Each structure stands twice: as C-alpha cells, then as structure tokens.
Amino acid sequence: MDIRYANHPADSKKYDTKELREHYLKEEIFLKDEISLTYSHVDRIIFGGAMPIDEELTLTAGKEMGVEFFLQRREMGVINVGEAGVIVLDGVEHEMKKHDGMYIGMGVKEVTFKSIDGDKPAKFYINSVPAHKEYKTVKINIEDARPVKLGEQENLNKRTIYQYVHPNVCESCQLLMGMTMLEPNNVWNTMPCHTHERRMEVYFYFDMNEDTRVIHLMGEPQETRHLVVSNEQALISPSWSIHSGVGTSNYTFIWGMCGENQTFDDMDHIKMSDLR
C-alpha cells in the first residue's frame, strides 16, 4: 500500500512540479491482477483500483490498517470503469457492468473482484473511509444513481453529476462518491471554484484518449498550483485546496469525499477576482 502523509498548505508553496506530483498525484491506479491502493493521512481515505485479468483478487487488510479484515472499521464505495465484472461479498455475487457502482457497509469480511472476460477486464475503482456504524450494502447501477445536470455551453461546462454514495441514494457514515461526465465540446469543471474546509476529496480522471490531458488546478485560492493529469490517474485534494480542471477534450471523473458532513453543497465559493 502506498502511503501519503498530510502536509501544511504553506508547504505546497515551495514544491516544484516533481514534489507536487509525489505528494498529491497517483499515476498508476490499475495494475494487472493486483489491488493497488493508496492510504492518505488526509482524513485516512484509501483509494485505488482492482483489475482482475487472469486471477480473482481478494481484498485484505495489511499492517497499515491494524485490523483483522479490511472493512472491520471501514465502509467502501466501488465504481466499475472497465468491462463487465463481478464483486463477491461474503460469498454473494454481484454483477457489475461499466459505470455500475456499489456501497459496501462496514462489517463485510470477504471482498473479491473478478472479470467476466479477462481479455476485456473490469476495472474497479475504490474509495474507502473510516466508519462508525454498519449500513446496508447497496448495488447502485448507473440508472439508479441520481443525475444532476449543470453548466452552460457558453461556459464550456455542460456536465452531468451522477450521485452514487449520497444521502439521496443510500445511507453511509461519511463517504460521498459519484461521477461527473462532461459533454462533448465541454472542458471546464467547477469554475468559479470553491473549497470545502469540512471535507477532503479524491479525484480520479478516466475515459480520456491517450493524448488528452486535464490541467487540474489546486492550492490555496491566492496560491494556486496545477497538475497535468493523464487517463486513469487520481489525486488527493485536501480541504484547504481548490479543485478545478480544464481538459484538452471532454473527460469523466469520479469524486470521493469524506469529513465532517455529507452536505454536498456545503462549499466556500471563491470569487474569480480573488484567484491568484
């Protein structure tokens, strides 16, 4: 498990590009026949991917977690961004097509991932956060996710937000998780930008062409920085940081949040005139 430590926002002012990427960006999410996870000390979120090709992959708890099984004191959200696959929870199989999601409650002991066809593997993107109560495990097909349409063509930001793990869809302790899809010829997400001091976030960009890039803006509003992000890469966005992006083409991303509340629109908006 890759470990990423939290840092003070003032430190980021001194980071060069290499240091920014080392602290905030995870370049490889999906590895063949592996569950690849990153443990961030920012609100102790774990994120990563499982890509079963020739083998079934079983989720285990390592020394970093200090528990008997992964979800002993955690909850988890999963969205399949690959081809058809199966999640097995304590022996019960759940088929997952592309863009299907699942909330898995605390207490589930055995979690296994497998692909229907190894030549067309499933890619299970994972967010997991600490939990204090067991909530019902729920499969959330994309048809069951709550769609919210935002943006205007003149601002190049027409997009649909699909809420998966959200109070409008299912119960969870603190995890919020969903997917935002930008329409063709739209490239901006969340500008004017915002912070939410009460929650951190992890962004995972995908469904991008090989030569497509997203310029992800981060940092304090008066000390902005940027990261150049490729397909199927993820980054940590601390609560003090803006999180906005513009692509060389339209793109899709999964957002996962945890922290003090689950109020999706609890944001501290930043005026355009205040950005630096």
Protein backbone atom coordinates (compact mmCIF):
# COMPACT_ATOMS: atom_id res chain seq x y z
CA MET A 1 0.00 0.00 0.00
CA ASP A 2 1.31 3.43 -0.98
CA ILE A 3 1.31 5.84 1.98
CA ARG A 4 0.79 9.59 1.52
CA TYR A 5 1.19 11.90 4.51
CA ALA A 6 -0.73 15.12 5.12
CA ASN A 7 1.09 18.44 4.95
CA HIS A 8 0.58 22.09 5.77
CA PRO A 9 -0.78 24.26 2.90
CA ALA A 10 2.16 26.62 3.27
CA ASP A 11 4.49 23.77 2.32
CA SER A 12 2.92 23.46 -1.10
CA LYS A 13 4.03 26.97 -2.00
CA LYS A 14 7.59 25.66 -2.05
CA TYR A 15 7.02 22.47 -4.05
CA ASP A 16 8.30 22.15 -7.58
CA THR A 17 6.41 20.05 -10.14
CA LYS A 18 8.09 16.80 -9.10
CA GLU A 19 7.24 17.35 -5.44
CA LEU A 20 3.64 18.31 -6.18
CA ARG A 21 3.17 15.10 -8.13
CA GLU A 22 4.85 12.99 -5.44
CA HIS A 23 2.58 14.36 -2.70
CA TYR A 24 -0.77 14.64 -4.48
CA LEU A 25 -0.89 12.56 -7.68
CA LYS A 26 -1.17 8.79 -8.07
CA GLU A 27 -0.09 7.95 -11.59
CA GLU A 28 -0.93 4.22 -11.72
CA ILE A 29 -4.30 3.09 -10.43
CA PHE A 30 -4.82 -0.18 -12.32
CA LEU A 31 -2.18 -2.90 -12.40
CA LYS A 32 -2.67 -6.35 -13.91
CA ASP A 33 -4.03 -8.84 -11.38
CA GLU A 34 -3.43 -6.50 -8.47
CA ILE A 35 -5.37 -4.44 -5.97
CA SER A 36 -3.35 -1.23 -5.91
CA LEU A 37 -4.24 1.10 -3.03
CA THR A 38 -3.05 4.43 -1.63
CA TYR A 39 -3.56 5.34 2.01
CA SER A 40 -3.80 9.09 2.54
CA HIS A 41 -3.44 10.52 6.04
CA VAL A 42 -5.78 13.31 4.91
CA ASP A 43 -8.92 12.04 6.69
CA ARG A 44 -7.49 8.49 6.28
CA ILE A 45 -9.12 7.84 2.93
CA ILE A 46 -7.94 4.83 0.94
CA PHE A 47 -8.31 4.92 -2.85
CA GLY A 48 -7.15 2.79 -5.73
CA GLY A 49 -8.09 0.12 -8.22
CA ALA A 50 -8.54 -3.61 -8.74
CA MET A 51 -8.02 -5.05 -12.23
CA PRO A 52 -8.51 -8.85 -12.33
CA ILE A 53 -7.41 -10.40 -15.60
CA ASP A 54 -6.10 -13.94 -15.05
CA GLU A 55 -6.94 -14.16 -11.34
CA GLU A 56 -9.64 -13.32 -8.85
CA LEU A 57 -8.49 -10.62 -6.43
CA THR A 58 -9.34 -10.66 -2.73
CA LEU A 59 -9.17 -7.52 -0.59
CA THR A 60 -7.02 -7.95 2.53
CA ALA A 61 -6.02 -5.72 5.43
CA GLY A 62 -2.31 -5.07 5.75
CA LYS A 63 -0.22 -3.98 8.71
CA GLU A 64 -1.04 -0.33 7.87
CA MET A 65 -4.65 -0.84 8.99
CA GLY A 66 -4.17 -2.86 12.18
CA VAL A 67 -7.42 -4.85 11.84
CA GLU A 68 -8.41 -8.43 11.08
CA PHE A 69 -10.18 -7.64 7.80
CA PHE A 70 -10.37 -4.60 5.53
CA LEU A 71 -13.91 -3.47 6.33
CA GLN A 72 -13.82 -4.20 10.04
CA ARG A 73 -13.85 -0.45 10.79
CA ARG A 74 -14.40 0.96 7.31
CA GLU A 75 -17.01 1.45 4.58
CA MET A 76 -16.29 1.41 0.85
CA GLY A 77 -17.61 2.66 -2.47
CA VAL A 78 -16.77 0.98 -5.79
CA ILE A 79 -17.47 2.05 -9.38
CA ASN A 80 -16.56 -0.19 -12.31
CA VAL A 81 -14.92 1.87 -15.07
CA GLY A 82 -13.94 -1.14 -17.20
CA GLU A 83 -15.82 -4.00 -18.80
CA ALA A 84 -18.22 -6.41 -17.10
CA GLY A 85 -17.13 -7.89 -13.80
CA VAL A 86 -18.29 -9.37 -10.52
CA ILE A 87 -17.89 -8.35 -6.89
CA VAL A 88 -18.27 -11.19 -4.40
CA LEU A 89 -19.27 -10.11 -0.87
CA ASP A 90 -19.19 -12.84 1.78
CA GLY A 91 -19.95 -15.40 -0.92
CA VAL A 92 -22.73 -13.45 -2.68
CA GLU A 93 -22.00 -12.44 -6.29
CA HIS A 94 -22.97 -9.04 -7.73
CA GLU A 95 -22.53 -8.48 -11.47
CA MET A 96 -21.16 -5.07 -12.37
CA LYS A 97 -21.31 -3.59 -15.86
CA LYS A 98 -19.41 -0.45 -16.82
CA HIS A 99 -20.35 2.57 -14.66
CA ASP A 100 -22.23 0.43 -12.12
CA GLY A 101 -21.40 1.23 -8.51
CA MET A 102 -21.76 -0.29 -5.07
CA TYR A 103 -21.76 0.88 -1.48
CA ILE A 104 -20.29 -1.78 0.83
CA GLY A 105 -21.00 -1.34 4.51
CA MET A 106 -18.75 -1.89 7.49
CA GLY A 107 -18.51 -5.50 8.64
CA VAL A 108 -18.34 -7.29 5.29
CA LYS A 109 -15.49 -9.77 5.76
CA GLU A 110 -14.69 -11.11 2.29
CA VAL A 111 -14.50 -8.90 -0.81
CA THR A 112 -13.37 -10.46 -4.10
CA PHE A 113 -13.15 -8.92 -7.56
CA LYS A 114 -13.22 -10.80 -10.87
CA SER A 115 -13.74 -10.10 -14.57
CA ILE A 116 -16.27 -11.82 -16.80
CA ASP A 117 -13.70 -11.90 -19.62
CA GLY A 118 -10.01 -11.47 -18.81
CA ASP A 119 -9.38 -10.14 -22.32
CA LYS A 120 -11.84 -7.33 -21.51
CA PRO A 121 -11.14 -6.78 -17.83
CA ALA A 122 -13.27 -4.98 -15.29
CA LYS A 123 -11.62 -2.03 -13.57
CA PHE A 124 -12.97 -1.48 -10.08
CA TYR A 125 -12.19 1.98 -8.71
CA ILE A 126 -12.29 2.02 -4.90
CA ASN A 127 -12.78 4.66 -2.19
CA SER A 128 -12.80 3.61 1.48
CA VAL A 129 -13.09 5.70 4.64
CA PRO A 130 -13.39 5.02 8.39
CA ALA A 131 -16.89 4.12 9.58
CA HIS A 132 -18.62 4.04 12.96
CA LYS A 133 -21.80 2.15 12.05
CA GLU A 134 -22.86 -0.65 9.76
CA TYR A 135 -25.13 0.45 6.91
CA LYS A 136 -26.79 -1.75 4.31
CA THR A 137 -24.73 -2.75 1.28
CA VAL A 138 -26.38 -1.40 -1.86
CA LYS A 139 -25.67 -2.03 -5.53
CA ILE A 140 -26.12 1.21 -7.47
CA ASN A 141 -26.50 0.81 -11.22
CA ILE A 142 -25.82 3.99 -13.15
CA GLU A 143 -29.57 4.05 -13.90
CA ASP A 144 -30.17 4.24 -10.13
CA ALA A 145 -27.61 6.98 -9.47
CA ARG A 146 -29.14 10.44 -9.08
CA PRO A 147 -28.29 12.63 -12.12
CA VAL A 148 -27.83 16.38 -11.70
CA LYS A 149 -27.29 18.44 -14.87
CA LEU A 150 -25.19 21.59 -14.56
CA GLY A 151 -23.41 24.14 -16.74
CA GLU A 152 -23.90 26.07 -19.96
CA GLN A 153 -22.41 25.64 -23.41
CA GLU A 154 -21.19 29.27 -23.48
CA ASN A 155 -19.06 28.48 -20.42
CA LEU A 156 -17.87 25.13 -21.84
CA ASN A 157 -19.00 23.31 -18.71
CA LYS A 158 -22.15 21.32 -19.52
CA ARG A 159 -21.96 18.18 -17.42
CA THR A 160 -23.98 15.57 -15.55
CA ILE A 161 -23.16 14.69 -11.96
CA TYR A 162 -24.21 11.16 -11.02
CA GLN A 163 -24.58 10.78 -7.27
CA TYR A 164 -23.87 7.18 -6.19
CA VAL A 165 -23.00 7.14 -2.49
CA HIS A 166 -25.07 10.10 -1.38
CA PRO A 167 -27.94 10.66 1.10
CA ASN A 168 -30.33 10.92 -1.88
CA VAL A 169 -29.38 7.39 -2.95
CA CYS A 170 -28.16 5.32 0.02
CA GLU A 171 -27.01 5.66 3.62
CA SER A 172 -23.34 5.83 4.63
CA CYS A 173 -21.34 7.02 7.61
CA GLN A 174 -19.27 9.72 5.92
CA LEU A 175 -18.40 8.60 2.40
CA LEU A 176 -19.76 10.57 -0.56
CA MET A 177 -18.97 9.27 -4.03
CA GLY A 178 -20.11 9.99 -7.55
CA MET A 179 -19.17 10.53 -11.17
CA THR A 180 -19.16 13.64 -13.35
CA MET A 181 -19.35 13.34 -17.14
CA LEU A 182 -18.64 16.36 -19.32
CA GLU A 183 -20.50 16.58 -22.60
CA PRO A 184 -18.59 16.76 -25.93
CA ASN A 185 -17.03 20.18 -26.58
CA ASN A 186 -17.12 20.98 -22.85
CA VAL A 187 -13.91 21.04 -20.84
CA TRP A 188 -14.32 23.08 -17.63
CA ASN A 189 -15.36 21.69 -14.27
CA THR A 190 -16.35 23.87 -11.33
CA MET A 191 -15.24 27.35 -12.28
CA PRO A 192 -15.75 29.62 -10.39
CA CYS A 193 -14.09 27.23 -7.99
CA HIS A 194 -14.57 26.54 -4.30
CA THR A 195 -13.12 24.86 -1.26
CA HIS A 196 -14.91 22.88 1.44
CA GLU A 197 -12.93 23.17 4.65
CA ARG A 198 -15.04 20.45 6.26
CA ARG A 199 -14.30 17.72 3.69
CA MET A 200 -11.40 16.47 1.62
CA GLU A 201 -11.74 14.91 -1.83
CA VAL A 202 -10.04 12.49 -4.19
CA TYR A 203 -10.43 12.95 -7.95
CA PHE A 204 -9.99 10.10 -10.46
CA TYR A 205 -9.91 11.09 -14.14
CA PHE A 206 -10.75 8.48 -16.79
CA ASP A 207 -12.41 7.81 -20.17
CA MET A 208 -9.73 10.01 -21.75
CA ASN A 209 -7.88 9.45 -25.00
CA GLU A 210 -4.16 8.72 -24.89
CA ASP A 211 -3.20 12.28 -25.86
CA THR A 212 -5.88 14.01 -23.76
CA ARG A 213 -4.79 15.82 -20.60
CA VAL A 214 -6.57 17.60 -17.77
CA ILE A 215 -4.94 20.60 -16.12
CA HIS A 216 -6.08 20.15 -12.52
CA LEU A 217 -5.92 23.36 -10.51
CA MET A 218 -5.16 23.06 -6.80
CA GLY A 219 -3.72 25.05 -3.92
CA GLU A 220 -4.97 27.92 -1.81
CA PRO A 221 -7.05 30.46 -3.74
CA GLN A 222 -4.26 33.06 -3.57
CA GLU A 223 -1.51 30.46 -4.20
CA THR A 224 -2.79 28.23 -6.98
CA ARG A 225 -0.77 25.37 -8.44
CA HIS A 226 -1.53 22.87 -11.18
CA LEU A 227 -1.01 19.22 -12.07
CA VAL A 228 -1.09 17.78 -15.59
CA VAL A 229 -3.18 14.60 -15.34
CA SER A 230 -3.44 11.69 -17.78
CA ASN A 231 -6.06 8.99 -18.22
CA GLU A 232 -6.79 6.82 -15.17
CA GLN A 233 -4.83 8.89 -12.70
CA ALA A 234 -6.04 10.14 -9.32
CA LEU A 235 -5.10 12.95 -6.98
CA ILE A 236 -5.62 13.99 -3.40
CA SER A 237 -7.39 17.30 -2.79
CA PRO A 238 -7.08 18.49 0.84
CA SER A 239 -9.85 20.56 2.38
CA TRP A 240 -7.90 23.82 2.04
CA SER A 241 -7.32 23.36 -1.70
CA ILE A 242 -9.39 24.42 -4.66
CA HIS A 243 -10.15 21.57 -7.07
CA SER A 244 -11.00 22.59 -10.58
CA GLY A 245 -9.90 21.46 -14.00
CA VAL A 246 -9.85 22.11 -17.71
CA GLY A 247 -9.19 19.46 -20.34
CA THR A 248 -7.86 19.34 -23.85
CA SER A 249 -11.10 17.48 -24.57
CA ASN A 250 -14.14 16.39 -22.56
CA TYR A 251 -13.47 13.84 -19.82
CA THR A 252 -15.08 11.95 -16.95
CA PHE A 253 -14.04 11.82 -13.31
CA ILE A 254 -15.05 10.13 -10.08
CA TRP A 255 -15.08 12.17 -6.90
CA GLY A 256 -14.96 10.74 -3.40
CA MET A 257 -15.32 12.84 -0.25
CA CYS A 258 -15.14 12.33 3.49
CA GLY A 259 -15.02 14.57 6.52
CA GLU A 260 -17.34 16.36 8.90
CA ASN A 261 -20.61 16.27 6.97
CA GLN A 262 -22.41 14.89 3.93
CA THR A 263 -23.89 18.16 2.72
CA PHE A 264 -22.92 18.09 -0.95
CA ASP A 265 -23.42 21.83 -1.48
CA ASP A 266 -21.55 22.91 1.68
CA MET A 267 -18.95 24.93 -0.24
CA ASP A 268 -16.90 28.05 0.33
CA HIS A 269 -17.15 29.78 -3.03
CA ILE A 270 -14.17 31.71 -4.40
CA LYS A 271 -14.65 34.87 -6.40
CA MET A 272 -12.86 34.94 -9.73
CA SER A 273 -11.31 38.24 -8.72
CA ASP A 274 -9.72 36.57 -5.67
CA LEU A 275 -7.88 33.83 -7.60
CA ARG A 276 -4.15 34.18 -7.97
